[in-house]
Amino acid sequence: MVEVLDFDVALKLGDFSLEIADQVPLDGITALLGPSGCGKTTLLRILAGLEGGGTGHVAIDGDTWLDSARGVFVAPHRRGVGHVFQDARLFPHLSVMGNLHYADRRSRRAGNAVAFNDVVEALDLSPLLARWPASLSGGERQRVAIARAVLSRPRILLMDEPLSALDMRRKASILPYIELLPQRFSIPIVYVTHAVEEASRLASRMIVMDEGRKLAAGPVRALLERLDLQPATGHFEAGVVLDATVTDHDPQFHLTHLDCHGQAIAMPQADLDIGATARIRIRARDVALARSRPQDISIRNVLEGRISEIAEEKDTAFAETLVDIGGAGVRARITRASVADLRLKPGEPVYALVKSISFDRRAF
């Protein structure tokens, strides 16, 4: 049985109120997703014990950290929580080695058997050990901050938008490091973000929040297919995540071919073995729909399916559609005029058209 972080908390801060309950499996990465100001960071602070005004209860694997009814409040340093903030918060008077040794020395008696050299290797920090925080780039500082949090040997790692201050290139370079942490060090992660692309890349489970409440919780793939959650998950990066199997590579044109529920997909060449599973993200804005299979077209991916849902946005030009391609859903953001002209409705057969170049090459 998978252990859980169980919480049911409430907090009133001026005009803002937070009321949320859930059970987070202590396994892999759980994303807290929602717009800025919805309460994600406040919830994380309550879980960490950094916000003392919360009421309710918080327990991890049967150990109670907060029970306001019984007057129980475990201090932050006794909870065994690792915390990575938006800014690295490294000790400026210590080198990278000194920052890491500080966490290592303080937690050597903790039950989590994390080795110093393993963490340095996993975060690729050997070239940085002698340097000072002021000389590091933003991405390097965050890698050091993540390593220091792991070396505190926590029972759970809380990450509060750790990549929000980085540009896209540096963000993409750090995501693979975070992705491997739960498996390599057996540390579950709760990851706060407002970026769908980060949640879809990293997490297997997600909690969607808005205005201090939980709108939905469950597997990332299932929630990204839900059209009703779009006000909280956002329009521009809305889409789905699919699992596909690598079938072959085309070295001449630098393409990788995949099979997704019996349908062929081509994407820019990826360094994946034949037979490997690729996690691909298809954005709704990158999908067009056709009532018949198009001919003589540059778009490489033509996926056959049926309309399963249409959500027209009144007082706008847009509509969201969900297409079942035989066991998985693909979202398409089109105009309401297109819905009318093509006479689209649930159950109708359609073809979802996806450009190969639209795939996020870092989403697998």
Protein backbone atom coordinates (compact mmCIF):
# COMPACT_ATOMS: atom_id res chain seq x y z
CA MET A 1 0.00 0.00 0.00
CA VAL A 2 1.38 3.40 -1.03
CA GLU A 3 1.82 5.79 1.89
CA VAL A 4 0.10 9.18 1.64
CA LEU A 5 0.34 12.80 2.67
CA ASP A 6 -3.13 13.48 4.05
CA PHE A 7 -4.35 17.04 4.57
CA ASP A 8 -7.57 18.94 5.17
CA VAL A 9 -6.72 22.56 5.88
CA ALA A 10 -8.23 26.03 5.89
CA LEU A 11 -6.72 29.49 6.18
CA LYS A 12 -8.12 33.02 6.04
CA LEU A 13 -5.78 35.81 4.90
CA GLY A 14 -7.65 39.10 4.42
CA ASP A 15 -10.02 38.66 1.49
CA PHE A 16 -8.43 35.34 0.49
CA SER A 17 -9.51 32.03 1.94
CA LEU A 18 -8.04 28.57 1.40
CA GLU A 19 -10.04 25.39 1.96
CA ILE A 20 -8.62 22.21 0.49
CA ALA A 21 -8.32 18.52 1.29
CA ASP A 22 -6.62 15.65 -0.51
CA GLN A 23 -4.47 12.56 -0.10
CA VAL A 24 -1.21 12.70 -2.04
CA PRO A 25 0.53 9.36 -2.69
CA LEU A 26 4.13 9.42 -1.47
CA ASP A 27 5.30 8.20 -4.83
CA GLY A 28 6.57 10.11 -7.86
CA ILE A 29 5.65 13.74 -8.55
CA THR A 30 2.31 15.40 -7.81
CA ALA A 31 1.78 18.80 -9.43
CA LEU A 32 -0.25 21.61 -7.88
CA LEU A 33 -1.48 23.51 -10.93
CA GLY A 34 -3.47 26.71 -11.13
CA PRO A 35 -3.27 30.43 -11.89
CA SER A 36 -1.18 32.82 -9.83
CA GLY A 37 -2.85 33.72 -6.55
CA CYS A 38 -4.99 30.58 -6.33
CA GLY A 39 -3.36 29.35 -3.10
CA LYS A 40 -0.73 26.87 -4.31
CA THR A 41 2.16 28.43 -2.40
CA THR A 42 0.01 29.00 0.68
CA LEU A 43 -0.88 25.31 0.75
CA LEU A 44 2.78 24.37 0.39
CA ARG A 45 3.71 26.65 3.31
CA ILE A 46 1.05 25.04 5.50
CA LEU A 47 2.36 21.58 4.62
CA ALA A 48 5.91 22.68 5.45
CA GLY A 49 4.87 24.32 8.72
CA LEU A 50 5.92 27.78 7.52
CA GLU A 51 2.36 29.16 7.74
CA GLY A 52 1.17 28.97 11.33
CA GLY A 53 -2.37 30.28 10.87
CA GLY A 54 -3.85 27.22 9.20
CA THR A 55 -6.51 25.05 10.79
CA GLY A 56 -7.36 21.42 10.14
CA HIS A 57 -4.95 18.52 9.95
CA VAL A 58 -1.82 17.43 8.09
CA ALA A 59 -0.36 13.93 8.45
CA ILE A 60 2.27 11.98 6.55
CA ASP A 61 2.36 8.19 6.69
CA GLY A 62 0.36 8.30 9.93
CA ASP A 63 2.55 10.93 11.65
CA THR A 64 0.54 14.04 12.52
CA TRP A 65 2.14 17.38 11.72
CA LEU A 66 -0.92 19.55 12.32
CA ASP A 67 -4.12 18.93 14.23
CA SER A 68 -5.60 22.26 15.28
CA ALA A 69 -8.44 20.58 17.18
CA ARG A 70 -5.93 18.88 19.50
CA GLY A 71 -3.40 21.70 19.55
CA VAL A 72 -0.77 19.73 17.61
CA PHE A 73 1.74 21.70 15.55
CA VAL A 74 5.07 20.13 14.62
CA ALA A 75 7.80 22.70 13.96
CA PRO A 76 9.09 22.93 10.37
CA HIS A 77 12.56 21.57 11.19
CA ARG A 78 11.00 18.45 12.73
CA ARG A 79 8.81 17.54 9.75
CA GLY A 80 11.52 16.18 7.51
CA VAL A 81 10.50 18.41 4.60
CA GLY A 82 12.84 19.56 1.85
CA HIS A 83 11.91 22.89 0.30
CA VAL A 84 13.02 24.42 -3.02
CA PHE A 85 11.86 27.99 -3.56
CA GLN A 86 11.58 30.21 -6.62
CA ASP A 87 14.92 31.75 -5.68
CA ALA A 88 17.77 29.42 -4.75
CA ARG A 89 18.45 30.93 -1.28
CA LEU A 90 21.99 29.56 -1.18
CA PHE A 91 24.34 30.69 1.60
CA PRO A 92 26.44 33.38 -0.13
CA HIS A 93 29.39 32.93 2.27
CA LEU A 94 29.73 29.22 1.43
CA SER A 95 30.95 27.63 -1.77
CA VAL A 96 28.77 25.14 -3.62
CA MET A 97 30.61 22.38 -1.72
CA GLY A 98 29.98 24.22 1.54
CA ASN A 99 26.27 24.61 0.82
CA LEU A 100 25.94 20.90 0.09
CA HIS A 101 28.03 19.81 3.08
CA TYR A 102 25.87 21.96 5.36
CA ALA A 103 22.76 19.94 4.45
CA ASP A 104 24.67 16.66 4.40
CA ARG A 105 26.10 17.07 7.92
CA ARG A 106 22.78 18.09 9.46
CA SER A 107 20.85 15.09 8.08
CA ARG A 108 23.23 12.14 8.24
CA ARG A 109 21.13 10.46 10.91
CA ALA A 110 17.98 10.65 8.81
CA GLY A 111 16.52 7.38 7.59
CA ASN A 112 16.75 8.21 3.89
CA ALA A 113 20.03 6.68 2.64
CA VAL A 114 21.09 9.37 0.18
CA ALA A 115 24.81 9.45 -0.65
CA PHE A 116 26.59 12.78 -1.14
CA ASN A 117 28.44 11.69 -4.29
CA ASP A 118 25.26 10.27 -5.82
CA VAL A 119 23.51 13.62 -5.48
CA VAL A 120 26.46 15.51 -6.95
CA GLU A 121 26.47 13.11 -9.89
CA ALA A 122 22.68 13.19 -10.39
CA LEU A 123 22.63 17.00 -10.58
CA ASP A 124 25.91 17.19 -12.54
CA LEU A 125 27.55 19.47 -9.97
CA SER A 126 31.18 18.27 -9.93
CA PRO A 127 32.39 21.21 -12.09
CA LEU A 128 30.69 23.68 -9.74
CA LEU A 129 31.81 22.47 -6.31
CA ALA A 130 34.59 25.03 -5.85
CA ARG A 131 32.58 27.98 -7.10
CA TRP A 132 30.65 30.60 -5.10
CA PRO A 133 26.90 31.22 -5.48
CA ALA A 134 27.43 34.72 -6.87
CA SER A 135 29.34 33.29 -9.84
CA LEU A 136 26.62 30.81 -10.85
CA SER A 137 23.95 31.24 -13.49
CA GLY A 138 20.30 31.06 -12.45
CA GLY A 139 19.99 27.49 -13.66
CA GLU A 140 23.17 26.43 -11.86
CA ARG A 141 21.97 28.00 -8.62
CA GLN A 142 18.69 26.08 -8.81
CA ARG A 143 20.49 22.79 -9.43
CA VAL A 144 22.58 23.43 -6.32
CA ALA A 145 19.45 24.35 -4.35
CA ILE A 146 17.75 21.13 -5.46
CA ALA A 147 20.82 19.09 -4.51
CA ARG A 148 20.96 20.75 -1.10
CA ALA A 149 17.29 19.95 -0.51
CA VAL A 150 17.83 16.31 -1.48
CA LEU A 151 20.85 16.10 0.85
CA SER A 152 18.61 17.17 3.72
CA ARG A 153 17.23 13.62 3.23
CA PRO A 154 13.58 14.66 3.46
CA ARG A 155 10.50 12.46 3.67
CA ILE A 156 8.95 14.68 1.01
CA LEU A 157 10.30 17.43 -1.24
CA LEU A 158 8.18 20.55 -1.78
CA MET A 159 9.10 22.59 -4.85
CA ASP A 160 7.55 26.05 -5.21
CA GLU A 161 7.77 27.12 -8.88
CA PRO A 162 11.54 26.43 -8.91
CA LEU A 163 11.89 27.26 -12.61
CA SER A 164 9.72 30.37 -12.83
CA ALA A 165 12.68 32.78 -12.86
CA LEU A 166 14.49 30.94 -15.68
CA ASP A 167 14.27 31.35 -19.43
CA MET A 168 12.97 28.53 -21.60
CA ARG A 169 16.41 27.12 -22.46
CA ARG A 170 17.57 26.90 -18.85
CA LYS A 171 14.18 25.59 -17.76
CA ALA A 172 14.37 22.80 -20.35
CA SER A 173 17.87 21.87 -19.17
CA ILE A 174 16.76 21.39 -15.54
CA LEU A 175 13.52 19.46 -16.08
CA PRO A 176 15.31 16.14 -16.75
CA TYR A 177 17.15 16.40 -13.42
CA ILE A 178 13.91 16.94 -11.48
CA GLU A 179 12.16 14.16 -13.39
CA LEU A 180 14.63 11.52 -12.17
CA LEU A 181 14.73 12.49 -8.47
CA PRO A 182 11.81 10.39 -7.11
CA GLN A 183 13.03 7.18 -8.71
CA ARG A 184 16.73 7.68 -8.00
CA PHE A 185 16.41 8.83 -4.37
CA SER A 186 12.96 7.50 -3.37
CA ILE A 187 11.78 11.01 -2.47
CA PRO A 188 8.20 11.98 -3.39
CA ILE A 189 7.73 15.51 -4.70
CA VAL A 190 4.89 18.03 -4.56
CA TYR A 191 5.59 20.48 -7.37
CA VAL A 192 3.86 23.86 -7.57
CA THR A 193 3.51 25.42 -11.01
CA HIS A 194 1.17 27.47 -13.18
CA ALA A 195 2.83 26.06 -16.32
CA VAL A 196 0.98 23.17 -17.96
CA GLU A 197 4.11 22.16 -19.87
CA GLU A 198 6.00 21.55 -16.60
CA ALA A 199 3.16 19.57 -15.00
CA SER A 200 2.66 17.43 -18.12
CA ARG A 201 6.40 16.72 -18.37
CA LEU A 202 7.08 15.87 -14.74
CA ALA A 203 3.97 14.70 -12.91
CA SER A 204 1.92 11.54 -12.95
CA ARG A 205 -0.77 13.07 -10.74
CA MET A 206 -2.13 16.59 -10.48
CA ILE A 207 -4.29 18.76 -8.25
CA VAL A 208 -5.93 21.67 -10.10
CA MET A 209 -6.66 24.69 -7.90
CA ASP A 210 -8.47 27.98 -8.30
CA GLU A 211 -9.43 30.66 -5.77
CA GLY A 212 -8.26 28.60 -2.80
CA ARG A 213 -10.21 25.48 -3.73
CA LYS A 214 -9.50 22.13 -5.36
CA LEU A 215 -11.26 21.88 -8.70
CA ALA A 216 -10.07 18.37 -9.52
CA ALA A 217 -7.40 15.80 -8.71
CA GLY A 218 -6.22 12.70 -10.52
CA PRO A 219 -3.91 11.42 -13.26
CA VAL A 220 -2.37 14.18 -15.37
CA ARG A 221 -3.53 12.65 -18.65
CA ALA A 222 -7.15 12.46 -17.54
CA LEU A 223 -7.26 16.02 -16.20
CA LEU A 224 -5.64 17.55 -19.28
CA GLU A 225 -8.43 16.09 -21.41
CA ARG A 226 -11.10 17.85 -19.36
CA LEU A 227 -12.40 20.90 -21.18
CA ASP A 228 -14.17 22.24 -18.08
CA LEU A 229 -10.84 22.82 -16.29
CA GLN A 230 -9.47 25.17 -18.92
CA PRO A 231 -10.20 28.40 -16.98
CA ALA A 232 -7.73 27.16 -14.34
CA THR A 233 -5.23 25.33 -16.57
CA GLY A 234 -5.07 28.09 -19.20
CA HIS A 235 -5.77 28.42 -22.92
CA PHE A 236 -2.42 28.98 -24.60
CA GLU A 237 -0.64 25.83 -23.41
CA ALA A 238 -3.76 23.65 -23.08
CA GLY A 239 -3.40 20.20 -24.56
CA VAL A 240 -2.96 16.52 -23.76
CA VAL A 241 -0.19 14.08 -22.96
CA LEU A 242 -0.03 10.76 -24.80
CA ASP A 243 2.13 7.65 -24.47
CA ALA A 244 3.47 6.36 -27.77
CA THR A 245 5.93 3.61 -28.74
CA VAL A 246 9.00 4.39 -30.84
CA THR A 247 8.85 2.29 -34.02
CA ASP A 248 11.82 3.61 -36.03
CA HIS A 249 14.02 6.59 -36.85
CA ASP A 250 14.47 8.29 -40.20
CA PRO A 251 18.09 9.56 -40.28
CA GLN A 252 17.70 11.17 -43.68
CA PHE A 253 14.98 13.56 -42.53
CA HIS A 254 15.79 13.45 -38.80
CA LEU A 255 12.38 12.17 -37.77
CA THR A 256 11.27 9.67 -35.14
CA HIS A 257 8.20 7.57 -35.90
CA LEU A 258 5.87 6.39 -33.15
CA ASP A 259 2.77 4.27 -32.72
CA CYS A 260 -0.01 5.76 -30.59
CA HIS A 261 -3.03 3.51 -30.17
CA GLY A 262 -2.45 2.06 -33.63
CA GLN A 263 -1.94 5.41 -35.32
CA ALA A 264 1.33 6.69 -36.76
CA ILE A 265 2.96 9.86 -35.45
CA ALA A 266 6.11 11.56 -36.77
CA MET A 267 8.08 14.03 -34.68
CA PRO A 268 11.54 15.64 -34.75
CA GLN A 269 14.19 13.00 -34.09
CA ALA A 270 14.51 11.99 -30.45
CA ASP A 271 17.26 10.08 -28.71
CA LEU A 272 15.07 7.12 -27.79
CA ASP A 273 15.50 3.39 -28.38
CA ILE A 274 13.22 1.45 -30.69
CA GLY A 275 10.40 0.06 -28.56
CA ALA A 276 10.79 2.75 -25.88
CA THR A 277 7.78 4.66 -24.60
CA ALA A 278 7.73 8.36 -25.46
CA ARG A 279 5.59 10.80 -23.50
CA ILE A 280 4.46 13.38 -26.03
CA ARG A 281 2.47 16.56 -25.55
CA ILE A 282 0.05 17.84 -28.17
CA ARG A 283 -1.18 21.38 -27.67
CA ALA A 284 -4.77 22.18 -28.57
CA ARG A 285 -3.66 25.23 -30.55
CA ASP A 286 -1.49 22.99 -32.76
CA VAL A 287 -4.37 20.75 -33.88
CA ALA A 288 -6.67 21.32 -36.86
CA LEU A 289 -9.73 19.23 -37.74
CA ALA A 290 -10.97 17.88 -41.08
CA ARG A 291 -14.13 15.97 -42.00
CA SER A 292 -12.28 13.93 -44.67
CA ARG A 293 -8.71 12.71 -44.93
CA PRO A 294 -6.71 15.49 -46.63
CA GLN A 295 -4.48 14.81 -49.65
CA ASP A 296 -1.28 16.55 -50.81
CA ILE A 297 -0.68 18.27 -47.49
CA SER A 298 2.54 19.03 -45.61
CA ILE A 299 1.13 18.02 -42.22
CA ARG A 300 2.61 14.60 -41.40
CA ASN A 301 0.25 13.47 -38.65
CA VAL A 302 -3.34 12.69 -39.60
CA LEU A 303 -5.10 10.95 -36.70
CA GLU A 304 -8.47 9.34 -37.27
CA GLY A 305 -11.04 9.71 -34.51
CA ARG A 306 -14.46 10.87 -33.40
CA ILE A 307 -15.61 14.02 -31.64
CA SER A 308 -16.35 13.18 -28.02
CA GLU A 309 -16.97 16.69 -26.66
CA ILE A 310 -17.33 20.28 -27.83
CA ALA A 311 -17.23 23.29 -25.50
CA GLU A 312 -18.06 26.55 -27.25
CA GLU A 313 -16.90 29.69 -25.48
CA LYS A 314 -19.76 32.15 -25.65
CA ASP A 315 -18.88 35.77 -26.43
CA THR A 316 -15.58 34.63 -28.01
CA ALA A 317 -14.57 33.26 -31.40
CA PHE A 318 -13.33 29.96 -29.96
CA ALA A 319 -14.40 26.42 -29.18
CA GLU A 320 -12.57 23.54 -27.51
CA THR A 321 -13.04 20.05 -28.90
CA LEU A 322 -11.94 16.64 -27.66
CA VAL A 323 -11.32 13.91 -30.24
CA ASP A 324 -11.17 10.24 -29.25
CA ILE A 325 -8.45 8.62 -31.41
CA GLY A 326 -9.11 5.10 -30.14
CA GLY A 327 -8.35 5.04 -26.43
CA ALA A 328 -6.81 8.48 -25.99
CA GLY A 329 -8.04 12.02 -26.39
CA VAL A 330 -6.62 14.85 -28.51
CA ARG A 331 -7.78 18.41 -27.93
CA ALA A 332 -8.24 20.98 -30.69
CA ARG A 333 -8.83 24.71 -30.20
CA ILE A 334 -10.73 25.95 -33.23
CA THR A 335 -13.20 28.72 -34.02
CA ARG A 336 -16.91 28.46 -33.40
CA ALA A 337 -17.35 29.32 -37.07
CA SER A 338 -15.43 26.16 -37.96
CA VAL A 339 -17.69 24.10 -35.70
CA ALA A 340 -20.69 25.49 -37.57
CA ASP A 341 -19.21 25.23 -41.09
CA LEU A 342 -18.06 21.63 -40.58
CA ARG A 343 -21.27 20.75 -38.72
CA LEU A 344 -19.25 19.19 -35.93
CA LYS A 345 -21.02 17.41 -33.09
CA PRO A 346 -20.21 14.61 -30.63
CA GLY A 347 -19.97 11.22 -32.33
CA GLU A 348 -19.01 12.62 -35.74
CA PRO A 349 -15.88 11.13 -37.41
CA VAL A 350 -13.03 13.60 -37.94
CA TYR A 351 -9.32 13.71 -38.65
CA ALA A 352 -7.01 15.54 -36.22
CA LEU A 353 -4.10 17.17 -38.05
CA VAL A 354 -0.88 17.83 -36.13
CA LYS A 355 2.31 19.31 -37.58
CA SER A 356 5.42 17.29 -36.71
CA ILE A 357 7.30 20.48 -35.83
CA SER A 358 4.70 21.39 -33.23
CA PHE A 359 5.74 18.65 -30.82
CA ASP A 360 7.56 19.78 -27.73
CA ARG A 361 10.81 17.82 -28.04
CA ARG A 362 11.37 18.11 -24.29
CA ALA A 363 8.00 16.58 -23.36
CA PHE A 364 9.15 12.97 -23.23
